[in-house]
Protein backbone atom coordinates (compact mmCIF):
# COMPACT_ATOMS: atom_id res chain seq x y z
CA MET A 1 9.00 13.83 14.58
CA ASP A 2 6.10 14.53 12.20
CA GLU A 3 7.42 13.71 8.70
CA LEU A 4 6.82 16.10 5.82
CA VAL A 5 4.59 14.68 3.10
CA ALA A 6 4.51 15.76 -0.54
CA LEU A 7 1.14 17.31 -1.43
CA LEU A 8 -0.21 16.98 -4.97
CA ASP A 9 -2.46 19.10 -7.11
CA SER A 10 -5.29 17.63 -9.19
CA ASP A 11 -2.83 16.91 -12.03
CA GLY A 12 -0.55 14.86 -9.77
CA ARG A 13 2.19 17.47 -9.51
CA VAL A 14 3.87 18.27 -6.20
CA CYS A 15 2.43 21.59 -5.05
CA GLY A 16 3.75 21.78 -1.50
CA SER A 17 4.22 19.86 1.70
CA ALA A 18 2.59 19.36 5.07
CA PRO A 19 3.32 17.44 8.22
CA ARG A 20 1.81 13.95 8.05
CA SER A 21 -0.55 14.76 10.93
CA VAL A 22 -1.95 17.78 9.05
CA MET A 23 -2.26 15.77 5.83
CA ARG A 24 -4.30 13.14 7.70
CA ARG A 25 -6.36 15.63 9.71
CA ASP A 26 -7.33 17.67 6.63
CA ASN A 27 -7.36 14.70 4.21
CA LEU A 28 -4.98 16.49 1.85
CA ARG A 29 -4.16 14.93 -1.53
CA HIS A 30 -0.72 13.35 -1.44
CA ALA A 31 1.38 10.66 -3.12
CA ALA A 32 1.56 7.07 -1.92
CA THR A 33 3.07 3.80 -3.06
CA GLY A 34 1.90 0.21 -3.20
CA VAL A 35 3.50 -3.12 -4.09
CA LEU A 36 1.59 -6.32 -4.77
CA VAL A 37 3.87 -9.13 -3.57
CA ARG A 38 3.42 -12.57 -5.14
CA ASN A 39 5.48 -15.71 -4.80
CA SER A 40 6.54 -17.91 -7.73
CA ALA A 41 3.45 -20.11 -7.15
CA GLY A 42 1.23 -17.05 -7.76
CA ASP A 43 0.10 -16.59 -4.15
CA ILE A 44 -0.36 -13.06 -2.84
CA TYR A 45 1.06 -11.78 0.45
CA VAL A 46 -1.74 -10.45 2.68
CA HIS A 47 -1.14 -8.71 5.98
CA ARG A 48 -3.14 -7.08 8.76
CA ARG A 49 -2.21 -3.56 9.74
CA THR A 50 -1.51 -2.79 13.37
CA ALA A 51 -4.16 -1.21 15.57
CA THR A 52 -1.98 1.91 15.87
CA LYS A 53 -2.01 2.85 12.16
CA ASP A 54 -3.22 6.42 11.48
CA VAL A 55 -5.71 5.31 8.81
CA TYR A 56 -7.65 2.04 8.61
CA PRO A 57 -6.11 0.44 11.71
CA SER A 58 -6.36 -3.37 11.93
CA TYR A 59 -7.58 -3.68 8.34
CA TYR A 60 -6.24 -6.37 6.01
CA ASP A 61 -4.14 -5.28 3.06
CA PHE A 62 -2.55 -6.97 0.07
CA MET A 63 -0.21 -4.14 -0.85
CA ALA A 64 2.90 -3.02 0.97
CA GLY A 65 3.43 0.69 0.76
CA GLY A 66 2.97 4.08 2.24
CA VAL A 67 3.17 7.82 1.91
CA VAL A 68 5.82 9.53 -0.25
CA ALA A 69 7.87 11.98 1.79
CA PHE A 70 8.40 15.54 0.57
CA GLY A 71 11.39 15.56 -1.80
CA GLU A 72 11.38 11.76 -2.14
CA ASP A 73 11.21 10.10 -5.54
CA PRO A 74 8.15 7.79 -5.69
CA TYR A 75 10.27 4.82 -6.84
CA ASP A 76 12.65 5.34 -3.91
CA ALA A 77 9.59 5.43 -1.62
CA VAL A 78 8.39 2.10 -3.06
CA VAL A 79 11.77 0.48 -2.40
CA ARG A 80 11.93 1.97 1.12
CA GLU A 81 8.39 0.98 2.11
CA LEU A 82 8.76 -2.61 0.84
CA ALA A 83 11.97 -3.04 2.83
CA GLU A 84 10.53 -1.39 5.96
CA GLU A 85 7.15 -3.16 6.07
CA LEU A 86 8.01 -6.65 4.84
CA GLY A 87 11.81 -6.84 4.88
CA ILE A 88 11.95 -7.34 1.10
CA SER A 89 14.81 -5.76 -0.82
CA GLY A 90 16.81 -6.34 -3.97
CA VAL A 91 13.74 -7.49 -5.88
CA GLU A 92 12.71 -6.55 -9.42
CA LEU A 93 9.74 -4.19 -9.29
CA VAL A 94 7.30 -4.23 -12.21
CA LYS A 95 5.38 -1.01 -12.73
CA LEU A 96 1.58 -1.26 -12.68
CA PRO A 97 -0.75 1.49 -13.90
CA GLU A 98 -0.89 4.45 -11.53
CA GLY A 99 -4.21 5.34 -9.96
CA ASP A 100 -6.09 7.81 -7.82
CA TYR A 101 -8.09 7.10 -4.70
CA ALA A 102 -10.12 9.30 -2.36
CA ASP A 103 -12.55 8.72 0.49
CA ASP A 104 -13.34 10.37 3.82
CA ALA A 105 -10.06 9.12 5.34
CA THR A 106 -7.50 9.56 2.56
CA SER A 107 -6.91 11.13 -0.83
CA TYR A 108 -3.89 10.26 -2.94
CA HIS A 109 -2.22 9.42 -6.23
CA ALA A 110 -0.84 5.87 -6.17
CA TYR A 111 2.44 4.68 -7.67
CA LEU A 112 1.83 0.94 -7.99
CA TYR A 113 4.18 -1.98 -8.57
CA SER A 114 4.32 -5.75 -8.27
CA CYS A 115 7.12 -8.16 -7.50
CA VAL A 116 7.80 -11.85 -7.09
CA TRP A 117 9.39 -12.88 -3.78
CA ASP A 118 10.11 -16.36 -2.45
CA GLY A 119 12.29 -15.36 0.46
CA PRO A 120 11.41 -14.70 4.08
CA VAL A 121 8.98 -11.93 5.01
CA VAL A 122 9.97 -9.89 8.06
CA HIS A 123 7.26 -7.63 9.45
CA GLN A 124 7.90 -4.18 10.81
CA PRO A 125 6.15 -4.56 14.20
CA GLU A 126 4.84 -0.97 14.21
CA GLU A 127 3.08 -1.51 10.87
CA VAL A 128 2.22 -5.19 10.41
CA ALA A 129 0.45 -7.36 13.00
CA TRP A 130 0.05 -10.55 10.92
CA GLY A 131 0.67 -11.85 7.42
CA ALA A 132 0.32 -14.94 5.24
CA TRP A 133 0.29 -16.07 1.62
CA MET A 134 -3.13 -16.54 0.00
CA SER A 135 -4.04 -17.91 -3.38
CA PRO A 136 -5.90 -15.49 -5.64
CA ALA A 137 -9.09 -17.57 -5.07
CA GLU A 138 -8.70 -17.33 -1.27
CA LEU A 139 -8.11 -13.59 -1.43
CA ILE A 140 -11.07 -13.01 -3.77
CA ALA A 141 -13.31 -14.96 -1.37
CA LYS A 142 -12.13 -12.65 1.44
CA LEU A 143 -12.69 -9.55 -0.72
CA ASP A 144 -16.25 -10.72 -1.39
CA ASP A 145 -16.92 -11.20 2.34
CA PRO A 146 -18.44 -7.93 3.68
CA SER A 147 -17.40 -8.84 7.23
CA TRP A 148 -13.70 -8.90 6.29
CA PRO A 149 -12.16 -5.43 6.89
CA VAL A 150 -9.97 -4.87 3.84
CA MET A 151 -8.28 -1.65 2.83
CA PRO A 152 -10.80 0.00 0.50
CA ASP A 153 -8.10 1.75 -1.50
CA THR A 154 -6.18 -1.45 -2.19
CA ALA A 155 -9.39 -3.25 -3.12
CA ALA A 156 -10.32 -0.43 -5.52
CA LEU A 157 -6.88 0.06 -7.07
CA VAL A 158 -5.61 -3.53 -7.30
CA GLY A 159 -8.64 -5.74 -6.65
CA PRO A 160 -9.51 -5.92 -10.37
CA LEU A 161 -5.97 -7.09 -11.15
CA VAL A 162 -6.18 -9.83 -8.51
CA ARG A 163 -9.52 -10.94 -9.95
CA SER A 164 -7.86 -11.25 -13.37
CA PHE A 165 -5.49 -13.88 -11.94
CA MET A 166 -8.37 -16.39 -11.85
């Protein structure tokens, strides 16, 4: 079933809904979530998206997250996505500054968080093909490598924060 996605106006207010497929096809502005997961040593969890993802398939990402469903509270979406994608729940989420991102593939307002997690990471097989912990220095080296396919939205929205960890 094609889930209904909350659509946003230019001020970030919900102004309607559309099926996810229509939102992607027409690149409609929507709401999305992201969580930067670090362990107590300061490493960052990096994963590779599956080849079947509807946007940026097989790209590397260092945020867990996704689209906010119509009628869903963004915080509830953050909690849901973190549990679905990486099997992480019951963790304290620290709010990061919100942001906006748009390119030819996606356009959204981001509700961003971070957390510290030292437990097991369990991938949702439909979403995550691979994952590992990287130090901030390792991740920055990857971000600076033009041959490494990283999610451009995550790099734009959270890359500066990761660089500040050095």
